[in-house]
């Protein structure tokens, strides 16, 4: 496990393989992460204990969405939307990243043939 201190608490990578990674983060009350976005990653926040606020700046409009998460609750931030989380209480949160595989990722040059 790769544990790193952060200005807002700490993060520990639990799993990272192919298109999924899972991190356990501890968020200190009153602290927040940077406002940032991911180019292709979806970002799910699942709260184990405590309470956080997730702010998301949707690219489709100029308002910020705020979601308050308590234990057992989760939300998902889509790629290319700026977001940040704020610790409303000392919290343990699982941050799950994944990349959605393209449904139509095949390019055909022909249709095949019968034998």
PDB file of N, CA and C in Angstrom:
ATOM      1  N   UNK A   1       0.840  -1.184   0.000  1.00  0.00           N
ATOM      2  CA  UNK A   1       0.000   0.000   0.000  1.00  0.00           C
ATOM      3  C   UNK A   1       0.884   1.246   0.000  1.00  0.00           C
ATOM      4  N   UNK A   2       0.502   2.197  -0.807  1.00  0.00           N
ATOM      5  CA  UNK A   2       1.241   3.439  -0.943  1.00  0.00           C
ATOM      6  C   UNK A   2       0.517   4.546  -0.189  1.00  0.00           C
ATOM      7  N   UNK A   3       1.025   4.895   1.000  1.00  0.00           N
ATOM      8  CA  UNK A   3       0.401   5.908   1.856  1.00  0.00           C
ATOM      9  C   UNK A   3       1.096   7.247   1.642  1.00  0.00           C
ATOM     10  N   UNK A   4       0.295   8.323   1.497  1.00  0.00           N
ATOM     11  CA  UNK A   4       0.842   9.655   1.301  1.00  0.00           C
ATOM     12  C   UNK A   4       0.116  10.664   2.178  1.00  0.00           C
ATOM     13  N   UNK A   5       0.884  11.517   2.845  1.00  0.00           N
ATOM     14  CA  UNK A   5       0.291  12.620   3.580  1.00  0.00           C
ATOM     15  C   UNK A   5      -0.164  13.710   2.621  1.00  0.00           C
ATOM     16  N   UNK A   6      -1.240  14.352   2.954  1.00  0.00           N
ATOM     17  CA  UNK A   6      -1.789  15.459   2.163  1.00  0.00           C
ATOM     18  C   UNK A   6      -2.080  16.612   3.103  1.00  0.00           C
ATOM     19  N   UNK A   7      -2.221  17.798   2.585  1.00  0.00           N
ATOM     20  CA  UNK A   7      -2.537  18.958   3.413  1.00  0.00           C
ATOM     21  C   UNK A   7      -3.892  18.787   4.105  1.00  0.00           C
ATOM     22  N   UNK A   8      -4.782  17.987   3.524  1.00  0.00           N
ATOM     23  CA  UNK A   8      -6.134  17.785   4.044  1.00  0.00           C
ATOM     24  C   UNK A   8      -6.277  16.498   4.853  1.00  0.00           C
ATOM     25  N   UNK A   9      -5.227  15.664   4.907  1.00  0.00           N
ATOM     26  CA  UNK A   9      -5.304  14.376   5.612  1.00  0.00           C
ATOM     27  C   UNK A   9      -4.282  13.419   5.048  1.00  0.00           C
ATOM     28  N   UNK A  10      -4.730  12.242   4.590  1.00  0.00           N
ATOM     29  CA  UNK A  10      -3.824  11.291   3.954  1.00  0.00           C
ATOM     30  C   UNK A  10      -4.594  10.373   3.022  1.00  0.00           C
ATOM     31  N   UNK A  11      -3.861   9.786   2.099  1.00  0.00           N
ATOM     32  CA  UNK A  11      -4.438   8.845   1.154  1.00  0.00           C
ATOM     33  C   UNK A  11      -3.589   7.586   1.113  1.00  0.00           C
ATOM     34  N   UNK A  12      -4.252   6.459   0.905  1.00  0.00           N
ATOM     35  CA  UNK A  12      -3.562   5.179   0.835  1.00  0.00           C
ATOM     36  C   UNK A  12      -4.174   4.365  -0.304  1.00  0.00           C
ATOM     37  N   UNK A  13      -3.355   4.073  -1.305  1.00  0.00           N
ATOM     38  CA  UNK A  13      -3.849   3.273  -2.426  1.00  0.00           C
ATOM     39  C   UNK A  13      -4.007   1.822  -1.994  1.00  0.00           C
ATOM     40  N   UNK A  14      -5.206   1.283  -2.207  1.00  0.00           N
ATOM     41  CA  UNK A  14      -5.503  -0.098  -1.846  1.00  0.00           C
ATOM     42  C   UNK A  14      -5.356  -1.020  -3.051  1.00  0.00           C
ATOM     43  N   UNK A  15      -5.816  -0.537  -4.196  1.00  0.00           N
ATOM     44  CA  UNK A  15      -5.842  -1.376  -5.393  1.00  0.00           C
ATOM     45  C   UNK A  15      -5.703  -0.488  -6.620  1.00  0.00           C
ATOM     46  N   UNK A  16      -4.922  -0.934  -7.585  1.00  0.00           N
ATOM     47  CA  UNK A  16      -4.820  -0.232  -8.870  1.00  0.00           C
ATOM     48  C   UNK A  16      -4.495  -1.249  -9.951  1.00  0.00           C
ATOM     49  N   UNK A  17      -5.419  -1.422 -10.867  1.00  0.00           N
ATOM     50  CA  UNK A  17      -5.217  -2.387 -11.942  1.00  0.00           C
ATOM     51  C   UNK A  17      -6.084  -1.991 -13.132  1.00  0.00           C
ATOM     52  N   UNK A  18      -5.512  -2.065 -14.295  1.00  0.00           N
ATOM     53  CA  UNK A  18      -6.216  -1.795 -15.550  1.00  0.00           C
ATOM     54  C   UNK A  18      -6.951  -0.455 -15.488  1.00  0.00           C
ATOM     55  N   UNK A  19      -8.261  -0.475 -15.438  1.00  0.00           N
ATOM     56  CA  UNK A  19      -9.013   0.777 -15.491  1.00  0.00           C
ATOM     57  C   UNK A  19      -9.690   1.138 -14.169  1.00  0.00           C
ATOM     58  N   UNK A  20      -9.218   0.572 -13.035  1.00  0.00           N
ATOM     59  CA  UNK A  20      -9.833   0.836 -11.730  1.00  0.00           C
ATOM     60  C   UNK A  20      -8.743   1.050 -10.677  1.00  0.00           C
ATOM     61  N   UNK A  21      -8.957   2.032  -9.805  1.00  0.00           N
ATOM     62  CA  UNK A  21      -8.114   2.153  -8.612  1.00  0.00           C
ATOM     63  C   UNK A  21      -8.993   2.543  -7.429  1.00  0.00           C
ATOM     64  N   UNK A  22      -8.600   2.082  -6.243  1.00  0.00           N
ATOM     65  CA  UNK A  22      -9.340   2.338  -5.013  1.00  0.00           C
ATOM     66  C   UNK A  22      -8.359   2.914  -3.993  1.00  0.00           C
ATOM     67  N   UNK A  23      -8.747   4.020  -3.386  1.00  0.00           N
ATOM     68  CA  UNK A  23      -7.936   4.674  -2.370  1.00  0.00           C
ATOM     69  C   UNK A  23      -8.767   4.891  -1.115  1.00  0.00           C
ATOM     70  N   UNK A  24      -8.155   4.655   0.040  1.00  0.00           N
ATOM     71  CA  UNK A  24      -8.789   4.971   1.327  1.00  0.00           C
ATOM     72  C   UNK A  24      -8.197   6.293   1.771  1.00  0.00           C
ATOM     73  N   UNK A  25      -9.047   7.294   1.966  1.00  0.00           N
ATOM     74  CA  UNK A  25      -8.545   8.605   2.360  1.00  0.00           C
ATOM     75  C   UNK A  25      -9.125   8.997   3.713  1.00  0.00           C
ATOM     76  N   UNK A  26      -8.298   9.661   4.511  1.00  0.00           N
ATOM     77  CA  UNK A  26      -8.802  10.252   5.743  1.00  0.00           C
ATOM     78  C   UNK A  26      -8.774  11.764   5.517  1.00  0.00           C
ATOM     79  N   UNK A  27      -9.909  12.389   5.776  1.00  0.00           N
ATOM     80  CA  UNK A  27     -10.081  13.820   5.530  1.00  0.00           C
ATOM     81  C   UNK A  27     -10.292  14.506   6.877  1.00  0.00           C
ATOM     82  N   UNK A  28      -9.482  15.503   7.157  1.00  0.00           N
ATOM     83  CA  UNK A  28      -9.603  16.239   8.400  1.00  0.00           C
ATOM     84  C   UNK A  28     -10.742  17.251   8.322  1.00  0.00           C
ATOM     85  N   UNK A  29     -11.470  17.398   9.428  1.00  0.00           N
ATOM     86  CA  UNK A  29     -12.561  18.369   9.507  1.00  0.00           C
ATOM     87  C   UNK A  29     -12.028  19.762   9.169  1.00  0.00           C
ATOM     88  N   UNK A  30     -12.763  20.473   8.303  1.00  0.00           N
ATOM     89  CA  UNK A  30     -12.419  21.841   7.934  1.00  0.00           C
ATOM     90  C   UNK A  30     -11.406  21.964   6.814  1.00  0.00           C
ATOM     91  N   UNK A  31     -10.889  20.846   6.320  1.00  0.00           N
ATOM     92  CA  UNK A  31      -9.890  20.903   5.251  1.00  0.00           C
ATOM     93  C   UNK A  31     -10.529  20.542   3.912  1.00  0.00           C
ATOM     94  N   UNK A  32      -9.811  20.833   2.830  1.00  0.00           N
ATOM     95  CA  UNK A  32     -10.323  20.483   1.499  1.00  0.00           C
ATOM     96  C   UNK A  32      -9.157  20.176   0.569  1.00  0.00           C
ATOM     97  N   UNK A  33      -9.466  19.414  -0.463  1.00  0.00           N
ATOM     98  CA  UNK A  33      -8.480  19.136  -1.499  1.00  0.00           C
ATOM     99  C   UNK A  33      -8.503  20.280  -2.515  1.00  0.00           C
ATOM    100  N   UNK A  34      -7.612  20.242  -3.467  1.00  0.00           N
ATOM    101  CA  UNK A  34      -7.577  21.251  -4.514  1.00  0.00           C
ATOM    102  C   UNK A  34      -8.781  21.107  -5.440  1.00  0.00           C
ATOM    103  N   UNK A  35      -9.176  22.199  -6.059  1.00  0.00           N
ATOM    104  CA  UNK A  35     -10.185  22.148  -7.123  1.00  0.00           C
ATOM    105  C   UNK A  35      -9.459  21.605  -8.352  1.00  0.00           C
ATOM    106  N   UNK A  36      -9.939  20.462  -8.858  1.00  0.00           N
ATOM    107  CA  UNK A  36      -9.247  19.799  -9.963  1.00  0.00           C
ATOM    108  C   UNK A  36     -10.232  19.011 -10.811  1.00  0.00           C
ATOM    109  N   UNK A  37      -9.750  18.488 -11.933  1.00  0.00           N
ATOM    110  CA  UNK A  37     -10.566  17.610 -12.774  1.00  0.00           C
ATOM    111  C   UNK A  37      -9.687  16.502 -13.320  1.00  0.00           C
ATOM    112  N   UNK A  38     -10.335  15.453 -13.786  1.00  0.00           N
ATOM    113  CA  UNK A  38      -9.657  14.327 -14.412  1.00  0.00           C
ATOM    114  C   UNK A  38     -10.069  14.292 -15.879  1.00  0.00           C
ATOM    115  N   UNK A  39      -9.125  13.993 -16.745  1.00  0.00           N
ATOM    116  CA  UNK A  39      -9.393  13.992 -18.177  1.00  0.00           C
ATOM    117  C   UNK A  39     -10.301  12.838 -18.566  1.00  0.00           C
ATOM    118  N   UNK A  40     -10.042  11.644 -18.034  1.00  0.00           N
ATOM    119  CA  UNK A  40     -10.839  10.488 -18.457  1.00  0.00           C
ATOM    120  C   UNK A  40     -11.363   9.639 -17.296  1.00  0.00           C
ATOM    121  N   UNK A  41     -10.977   9.939 -16.058  1.00  0.00           N
ATOM    122  CA  UNK A  41     -11.392   9.135 -14.912  1.00  0.00           C
ATOM    123  C   UNK A  41     -12.721   9.610 -14.322  1.00  0.00           C
ATOM    124  N   UNK A  42     -13.588   8.652 -14.021  1.00  0.00           N
ATOM    125  CA  UNK A  42     -14.739   8.896 -13.156  1.00  0.00           C
ATOM    126  C   UNK A  42     -14.224   8.813 -11.726  1.00  0.00           C
ATOM    127  N   UNK A  43     -14.829   9.553 -10.809  1.00  0.00           N
ATOM    128  CA  UNK A  43     -14.354   9.612  -9.424  1.00  0.00           C
ATOM    129  C   UNK A  43     -15.548   9.397  -8.489  1.00  0.00           C
ATOM    130  N   UNK A  44     -15.598   8.217  -7.859  1.00  0.00           N
ATOM    131  CA  UNK A  44     -16.672   7.913  -6.908  1.00  0.00           C
ATOM    132  C   UNK A  44     -16.140   8.144  -5.496  1.00  0.00           C
ATOM    133  N   UNK A  45     -16.935   8.826  -4.675  1.00  0.00           N
ATOM    134  CA  UNK A  45     -16.625   9.010  -3.260  1.00  0.00           C
ATOM    135  C   UNK A  45     -17.633   8.197  -2.454  1.00  0.00           C
ATOM    136  N   UNK A  46     -17.141   7.300  -1.592  1.00  0.00           N
ATOM    137  CA  UNK A  46     -17.993   6.504  -0.710  1.00  0.00           C
ATOM    138  C   UNK A  46     -17.532   6.752   0.723  1.00  0.00           C
ATOM    139  N   UNK A  47     -18.436   7.242   1.576  1.00  0.00           N
ATOM    140  CA  UNK A  47     -18.084   7.603   2.944  1.00  0.00           C
ATOM    141  C   UNK A  47     -18.304   6.420   3.882  1.00  0.00           C
ATOM    142  N   UNK A  48     -17.243   6.045   4.597  1.00  0.00           N
ATOM    143  CA  UNK A  48     -17.332   5.002   5.624  1.00  0.00           C
ATOM    144  C   UNK A  48     -17.727   5.614   6.966  1.00  0.00           C
ATOM    145  N   UNK A  49     -17.089   6.738   7.324  1.00  0.00           N
ATOM    146  CA  UNK A  49     -17.417   7.426   8.569  1.00  0.00           C
ATOM    147  C   UNK A  49     -17.181   8.921   8.385  1.00  0.00           C
ATOM    148  N   UNK A  50     -17.883   9.708   9.181  1.00  0.00           N
ATOM    149  CA  UNK A  50     -17.757  11.155   9.096  1.00  0.00           C
ATOM    150  C   UNK A  50     -18.724  11.747   8.085  1.00  0.00           C
ATOM    151  N   UNK A  51     -18.370  12.918   7.563  1.00  0.00           N
ATOM    152  CA  UNK A  51     -19.238  13.618   6.616  1.00  0.00           C
ATOM    153  C   UNK A  51     -18.381  14.544   5.756  1.00  0.00           C
ATOM    154  N   UNK A  52     -18.585  14.496   4.440  1.00  0.00           N
ATOM    155  CA  UNK A  52     -17.880  15.396   3.525  1.00  0.00           C
ATOM    156  C   UNK A  52     -18.878  16.096   2.609  1.00  0.00           C
ATOM    157  N   UNK A  53     -18.424  17.190   2.038  1.00  0.00           N
ATOM    158  CA  UNK A  53     -19.186  17.878   0.997  1.00  0.00           C
ATOM    159  C   UNK A  53     -18.378  17.777  -0.288  1.00  0.00           C
ATOM    160  N   UNK A  54     -19.021  17.341  -1.368  1.00  0.00           N
ATOM    161  CA  UNK A  54     -18.374  17.285  -2.675  1.00  0.00           C
ATOM    162  C   UNK A  54     -18.957  18.421  -3.511  1.00  0.00           C
ATOM    163  N   UNK A  55     -18.084  19.283  -3.999  1.00  0.00           N
ATOM    164  CA  UNK A  55     -18.505  20.361  -4.886  1.00  0.00           C
ATOM    165  C   UNK A  55     -18.079  19.991  -6.304  1.00  0.00           C
ATOM    166  N   UNK A  56     -18.992  20.165  -7.258  1.00  0.00           N
ATOM    167  CA  UNK A  56     -18.709  19.826  -8.655  1.00  0.00           C
ATOM    168  C   UNK A  56     -19.164  20.963  -9.551  1.00  0.00           C
ATOM    169  N   UNK A  57     -18.242  21.449 -10.357  1.00  0.00           N
ATOM    170  CA  UNK A  57     -18.535  22.488 -11.334  1.00  0.00           C
ATOM    171  C   UNK A  57     -18.835  21.797 -12.656  1.00  0.00           C
ATOM    172  N   UNK A  58     -20.120  21.721 -12.997  1.00  0.00           N
ATOM    173  CA  UNK A  58     -20.528  21.029 -14.223  1.00  0.00           C
ATOM    174  C   UNK A  58     -20.113  21.856 -15.427  1.00  0.00           C
ATOM    175  N   UNK A  59     -19.572  21.194 -16.435  1.00  0.00           N
ATOM    176  CA  UNK A  59     -19.119  21.932 -17.614  1.00  0.00           C
ATOM    177  C   UNK A  59     -20.288  22.454 -18.440  1.00  0.00           C
ATOM    178  N   UNK A  60     -21.489  21.914 -18.214  1.00  0.00           N
ATOM    179  CA  UNK A  60     -22.656  22.331 -18.989  1.00  0.00           C
ATOM    180  C   UNK A  60     -23.262  23.640 -18.511  1.00  0.00           C
ATOM    181  N   UNK A  61     -22.949  24.078 -17.295  1.00  0.00           N
ATOM    182  CA  UNK A  61     -23.480  25.336 -16.780  1.00  0.00           C
ATOM    183  C   UNK A  61     -22.526  25.911 -15.743  1.00  0.00           C
ATOM    184  N   UNK A  62     -22.734  27.162 -15.357  1.00  0.00           N
ATOM    185  CA  UNK A  62     -21.783  27.879 -14.514  1.00  0.00           C
ATOM    186  C   UNK A  62     -22.059  27.776 -13.024  1.00  0.00           C
ATOM    187  N   UNK A  63     -22.896  26.873 -12.592  1.00  0.00           N
ATOM    188  CA  UNK A  63     -23.209  26.725 -11.178  1.00  0.00           C
ATOM    189  C   UNK A  63     -22.420  25.573 -10.582  1.00  0.00           C
ATOM    190  N   UNK A  64     -22.262  25.603  -9.271  1.00  0.00           N
ATOM    191  CA  UNK A  64     -21.591  24.504  -8.577  1.00  0.00           C
ATOM    192  C   UNK A  64     -22.649  23.638  -7.899  1.00  0.00           C
ATOM    193  N   UNK A  65     -22.563  22.334  -8.114  1.00  0.00           N
ATOM    194  CA  UNK A  65     -23.429  21.383  -7.414  1.00  0.00           C
ATOM    195  C   UNK A  65     -22.731  20.984  -6.130  1.00  0.00           C
ATOM    196  N   UNK A  66     -23.468  20.915  -5.028  1.00  0.00           N
ATOM    197  CA  UNK A  66     -22.907  20.480  -3.753  1.00  0.00           C
ATOM    198  C   UNK A  66     -23.679  19.269  -3.262  1.00  0.00           C
ATOM    199  N   UNK A  67     -22.938  18.234  -2.899  1.00  0.00           N
ATOM    200  CA  UNK A  67     -23.533  17.010  -2.377  1.00  0.00           C
ATOM    201  C   UNK A  67     -22.889  16.706  -1.035  1.00  0.00           C
ATOM    202  N   UNK A  68     -23.713  16.575   0.001  1.00  0.00           N
ATOM    203  CA  UNK A  68     -23.204  16.217   1.329  1.00  0.00           C
ATOM    204  C   UNK A  68     -23.383  14.715   1.506  1.00  0.00           C
ATOM    205  N   UNK A  69     -22.293  14.043   1.849  1.00  0.00           N
ATOM    206  CA  UNK A  69     -22.291  12.588   1.996  1.00  0.00           C
ATOM    207  C   UNK A  69     -22.039  12.199   3.447  1.00  0.00           C
ATOM    208  N   UNK A  70     -22.865  11.300   3.950  1.00  0.00           N
ATOM    209  CA  UNK A  70     -22.757  10.719   5.289  1.00  0.00           C
ATOM    210  C   UNK A  70     -22.396   9.244   5.144  1.00  0.00           C
ATOM    211  N   UNK A  71     -22.119   8.540   6.244  1.00  0.00           N
ATOM    212  CA  UNK A  71     -21.738   7.132   6.151  1.00  0.00           C
ATOM    213  C   UNK A  71     -22.714   6.297   5.313  1.00  0.00           C
ATOM    214  N   UNK A  72     -22.142   5.486   4.407  1.00  0.00           N
ATOM    215  CA  UNK A  72     -22.924   4.622   3.533  1.00  0.00           C
ATOM    216  C   UNK A  72     -23.385   5.287   2.258  1.00  0.00           C
ATOM    217  N   UNK A  73     -23.101   6.569   2.082  1.00  0.00           N
ATOM    218  CA  UNK A  73     -23.547   7.297   0.883  1.00  0.00           C
ATOM    219  C   UNK A  73     -22.383   7.524  -0.067  1.00  0.00           C
ATOM    220  N   UNK A  74     -22.720   7.679  -1.359  1.00  0.00           N
ATOM    221  CA  UNK A  74     -21.695   7.898  -2.370  1.00  0.00           C
ATOM    222  C   UNK A  74     -22.210   8.832  -3.457  1.00  0.00           C
ATOM    223  N   UNK A  75     -21.282   9.373  -4.216  1.00  0.00           N
ATOM    224  CA  UNK A  75     -21.624  10.143  -5.415  1.00  0.00           C
ATOM    225  C   UNK A  75     -20.508   9.943  -6.431  1.00  0.00           C
ATOM    226  N   UNK A  76     -20.802  10.259  -7.674  1.00  0.00           N
ATOM    227  CA  UNK A  76     -19.842  10.062  -8.756  1.00  0.00           C
ATOM    228  C   UNK A  76     -19.652  11.375  -9.503  1.00  0.00           C
ATOM    229  N   UNK A  77     -18.395  11.760  -9.697  1.00  0.00           N
ATOM    230  CA  UNK A  77     -18.043  12.941 -10.486  1.00  0.00           C
ATOM    231  C   UNK A  77     -17.563  12.449 -11.844  1.00  0.00           C
ATOM    232  N   UNK A  78     -18.128  13.004 -12.902  1.00  0.00           N
ATOM    233  CA  UNK A  78     -17.767  12.572 -14.251  1.00  0.00           C
ATOM    234  C   UNK A  78     -16.483  13.252 -14.723  1.00  0.00           C
ATOM    235  N   UNK A  79     -15.804  12.634 -15.686  1.00  0.00           N
ATOM    236  CA  UNK A  79     -14.574  13.236 -16.205  1.00  0.00           C
ATOM    237  C   UNK A  79     -14.825  14.647 -16.734  1.00  0.00           C
ATOM    238  N   UNK A  80     -13.787  15.449 -16.675  1.00  0.00           N
ATOM    239  CA  UNK A  80     -13.758  16.804 -17.236  1.00  0.00           C
ATOM    240  C   UNK A  80     -14.581  17.821 -16.457  1.00  0.00           C
ATOM    241  N   UNK A  81     -15.093  17.455 -15.267  1.00  0.00           N
ATOM    242  CA  UNK A  81     -15.756  18.421 -14.396  1.00  0.00           C
ATOM    243  C   UNK A  81     -14.841  18.734 -13.221  1.00  0.00           C
ATOM    244  N   UNK A  82     -14.580  20.022 -12.995  1.00  0.00           N
ATOM    245  CA  UNK A  82     -13.807  20.407 -11.822  1.00  0.00           C
ATOM    246  C   UNK A  82     -14.582  20.025 -10.565  1.00  0.00           C
ATOM    247  N   UNK A  83     -13.855  19.615  -9.534  1.00  0.00           N
ATOM    248  CA  UNK A  83     -14.493  19.227  -8.277  1.00  0.00           C
ATOM    249  C   UNK A  83     -13.493  19.327  -7.136  1.00  0.00           C
ATOM    250  N   UNK A  84     -14.020  19.302  -5.908  1.00  0.00           N
ATOM    251  CA  UNK A  84     -13.202  19.189  -4.705  1.00  0.00           C
ATOM    252  C   UNK A  84     -14.073  18.662  -3.588  1.00  0.00           C
ATOM    253  N   UNK A  85     -13.425  18.125  -2.546  1.00  0.00           N
ATOM    254  CA  UNK A  85     -14.176  17.685  -1.376  1.00  0.00           C
ATOM    255  C   UNK A  85     -13.723  18.477  -0.161  1.00  0.00           C
ATOM    256  N   UNK A  86     -14.654  18.627   0.783  1.00  0.00           N
ATOM    257  CA  UNK A  86     -14.421  19.385   2.009  1.00  0.00           C
ATOM    258  C   UNK A  86     -14.811  18.499   3.181  1.00  0.00           C
ATOM    259  N   UNK A  87     -13.958  18.417   4.184  1.00  0.00           N
ATOM    260  CA  UNK A  87     -14.261  17.627   5.381  1.00  0.00           C
ATOM    261  C   UNK A  87     -15.174  18.398   6.323  1.00  0.00           C
ATOM    262  N   UNK A  88     -16.415  17.958   6.444  1.00  0.00           N
ATOM    263  CA  UNK A  88     -17.341  18.574   7.397  1.00  0.00           C
ATOM    264  C   UNK A  88     -17.142  17.990   8.791  1.00  0.00           C
ATOM    265  N   UNK A  89     -16.590  16.774   8.832  1.00  0.00           N
ATOM    266  CA  UNK A  89     -16.181  16.086  10.062  1.00  0.00           C
ATOM    267  C   UNK A  89     -14.910  15.324   9.719  1.00  0.00           C
ATOM    268  N   UNK A  90     -14.159  14.870  10.712  1.00  0.00           N
ATOM    269  CA  UNK A  90     -13.078  13.928  10.431  1.00  0.00           C
ATOM    270  C   UNK A  90     -13.728  12.721   9.761  1.00  0.00           C
ATOM    271  N   UNK A  91     -13.205  12.315   8.602  1.00  0.00           N
ATOM    272  CA  UNK A  91     -13.911  11.318   7.782  1.00  0.00           C
ATOM    273  C   UNK A  91     -12.963  10.282   7.192  1.00  0.00           C
ATOM    274  N   UNK A  92     -13.501   9.085   6.999  1.00  0.00           N
ATOM    275  CA  UNK A  92     -12.831   8.030   6.236  1.00  0.00           C
ATOM    276  C   UNK A  92     -13.676   7.817   4.978  1.00  0.00           C
ATOM    277  N   UNK A  93     -13.019   7.948   3.835  1.00  0.00           N
ATOM    278  CA  UNK A  93     -13.718   7.912   2.548  1.00  0.00           C
ATOM    279  C   UNK A  93     -12.949   6.990   1.607  1.00  0.00           C
ATOM    280  N   UNK A  94     -13.683   6.243   0.809  1.00  0.00           N
ATOM    281  CA  UNK A  94     -13.063   5.459  -0.254  1.00  0.00           C
ATOM    282  C   UNK A  94     -13.281   6.206  -1.560  1.00  0.00           C
ATOM    283  N   UNK A  95     -12.180   6.416  -2.257  1.00  0.00           N
ATOM    284  CA  UNK A  95     -12.203   7.120  -3.523  1.00  0.00           C
ATOM    285  C   UNK A  95     -11.922   6.070  -4.597  1.00  0.00           C
ATOM    286  N   UNK A  96     -12.878   5.884  -5.479  1.00  0.00           N
ATOM    287  CA  UNK A  96     -12.784   4.852  -6.510  1.00  0.00           C
ATOM    288  C   UNK A  96     -12.719   5.550  -7.858  1.00  0.00           C
ATOM    289  N   UNK A  97     -11.652   5.272  -8.588  1.00  0.00           N
ATOM    290  CA  UNK A  97     -11.489   5.830  -9.932  1.00  0.00           C
ATOM    291  C   UNK A  97     -11.710   4.717 -10.943  1.00  0.00           C
ATOM    292  N   UNK A  98     -12.379   5.050 -12.038  1.00  0.00           N
ATOM    293  CA  UNK A  98     -12.482   4.090 -13.132  1.00  0.00           C
ATOM    294  C   UNK A  98     -12.587   4.823 -14.450  1.00  0.00           C
ATOM    295  N   UNK A  99     -12.202   4.133 -15.497  1.00  0.00           N
ATOM    296  CA  UNK A  99     -12.292   4.668 -16.851  1.00  0.00           C
ATOM    297  C   UNK A  99     -13.312   3.830 -17.586  1.00  0.00           C
ATOM    298  N   UNK A 100     -14.286   4.485 -18.183  1.00  0.00           N
ATOM    299  CA  UNK A 100     -15.329   3.774 -18.913  1.00  0.00           C
ATOM    300  C   UNK A 100     -14.794   3.349 -20.274  1.00  0.00           C
ATOM    301  N   UNK A 101     -14.922   2.070 -20.538  1.00  0.00           N
ATOM    302  CA  UNK A 101     -14.519   1.564 -21.843  1.00  0.00           C
ATOM    303  C   UNK A 101     -15.535   2.001 -22.889  1.00  0.00           C
ATOM    304  N   UNK A 102     -15.054   2.336 -24.062  1.00  0.00           N
ATOM    305  CA  UNK A 102     -15.939   2.790 -25.134  1.00  0.00           C
ATOM    306  C   UNK A 102     -16.745   1.615 -25.670  1.00  0.00           C
ATOM    307  N   UNK A 103     -18.059   1.807 -25.773  1.00  0.00           N
ATOM    308  CA  UNK A 103     -18.915   0.745 -26.293  1.00  0.00           C
ATOM    309  C   UNK A 103     -18.655   0.479 -27.776  1.00  0.00           C
ATOM    310  N   UNK A 104     -18.409   1.514 -28.529  1.00  0.00           N
ATOM    311  CA  UNK A 104     -18.207   1.388 -29.984  1.00  0.00           C
ATOM    312  C   UNK A 104     -16.751   1.644 -30.331  1.00  0.00           C
ATOM    313  N   UNK A 105     -15.852   0.808 -29.817  1.00  0.00           N
ATOM    314  CA  UNK A 105     -14.431   1.050 -30.036  1.00  0.00           C
ATOM    315  C   UNK A 105     -13.855   0.196 -31.157  1.00  0.00           C
ATOM    316  N   UNK A 106     -14.706  -0.401 -31.973  1.00  0.00           N
ATOM    317  CA  UNK A 106     -14.226  -1.249 -33.065  1.00  0.00           C
ATOM    318  C   UNK A 106     -14.369  -0.509 -34.398  1.00  0.00           C
ATOM    319  N   UNK A 107     -13.322  -0.601 -35.196  1.00  0.00           N
ATOM    320  CA  UNK A 107     -13.331  -0.007 -36.539  1.00  0.00           C
ATOM    321  C   UNK A 107     -13.084  -1.146 -37.517  1.00  0.00           C
ATOM    322  N   UNK A 108     -14.060  -1.394 -38.356  1.00  0.00           N
ATOM    323  CA  UNK A 108     -13.968  -2.515 -39.305  1.00  0.00           C
ATOM    324  C   UNK A 108     -13.539  -2.034 -40.687  1.00  0.00           C
ATOM    325  N   UNK A 109     -12.691  -2.824 -41.330  1.00  0.00           N
ATOM    326  CA  UNK A 109     -12.327  -2.567 -42.716  1.00  0.00           C
ATOM    327  C   UNK A 109     -13.177  -3.385 -43.669  1.00  0.00           C
ATOM    328  N   UNK A 110     -13.744  -4.497 -43.167  1.00  0.00           N
ATOM    329  CA  UNK A 110     -14.644  -5.308 -43.989  1.00  0.00           C
ATOM    330  C   UNK A 110     -15.640  -5.972 -43.054  1.00  0.00           C
ATOM    331  N   UNK A 111     -16.547  -6.776 -43.628  1.00  0.00           N
ATOM    332  CA  UNK A 111     -17.585  -7.424 -42.818  1.00  0.00           C
ATOM    333  C   UNK A 111     -17.285  -8.881 -42.520  1.00  0.00           C
ATOM    334  N   UNK A 112     -16.118  -9.371 -42.937  1.00  0.00           N
ATOM    335  CA  UNK A 112     -15.788 -10.768 -42.754  1.00  0.00           C
ATOM    336  C   UNK A 112     -16.251 -11.578 -43.962  1.00  0.00           C
ATOM    337  N   UNK A 113     -16.240 -12.914 -43.827  1.00  0.00           N
ATOM    338  CA  UNK A 113     -16.654 -13.743 -44.949  1.00  0.00           C
ATOM    339  C   UNK A 113     -17.153 -15.082 -44.440  1.00  0.00           C
ATOM    340  N   UNK A 114     -17.898 -15.796 -45.275  1.00  0.00           N
ATOM    341  CA  UNK A 114     -18.346 -17.152 -44.983  1.00  0.00           C
ATOM    342  C   UNK A 114     -17.304 -18.114 -45.529  1.00  0.00           C
ATOM    343  N   UNK A 115     -17.214 -19.278 -44.885  1.00  0.00           N
ATOM    344  CA  UNK A 115     -16.254 -20.280 -45.394  1.00  0.00           C
ATOM    345  C   UNK A 115     -16.875 -21.113 -46.469  1.00  0.00           C
TER     346      UNK A 115
END
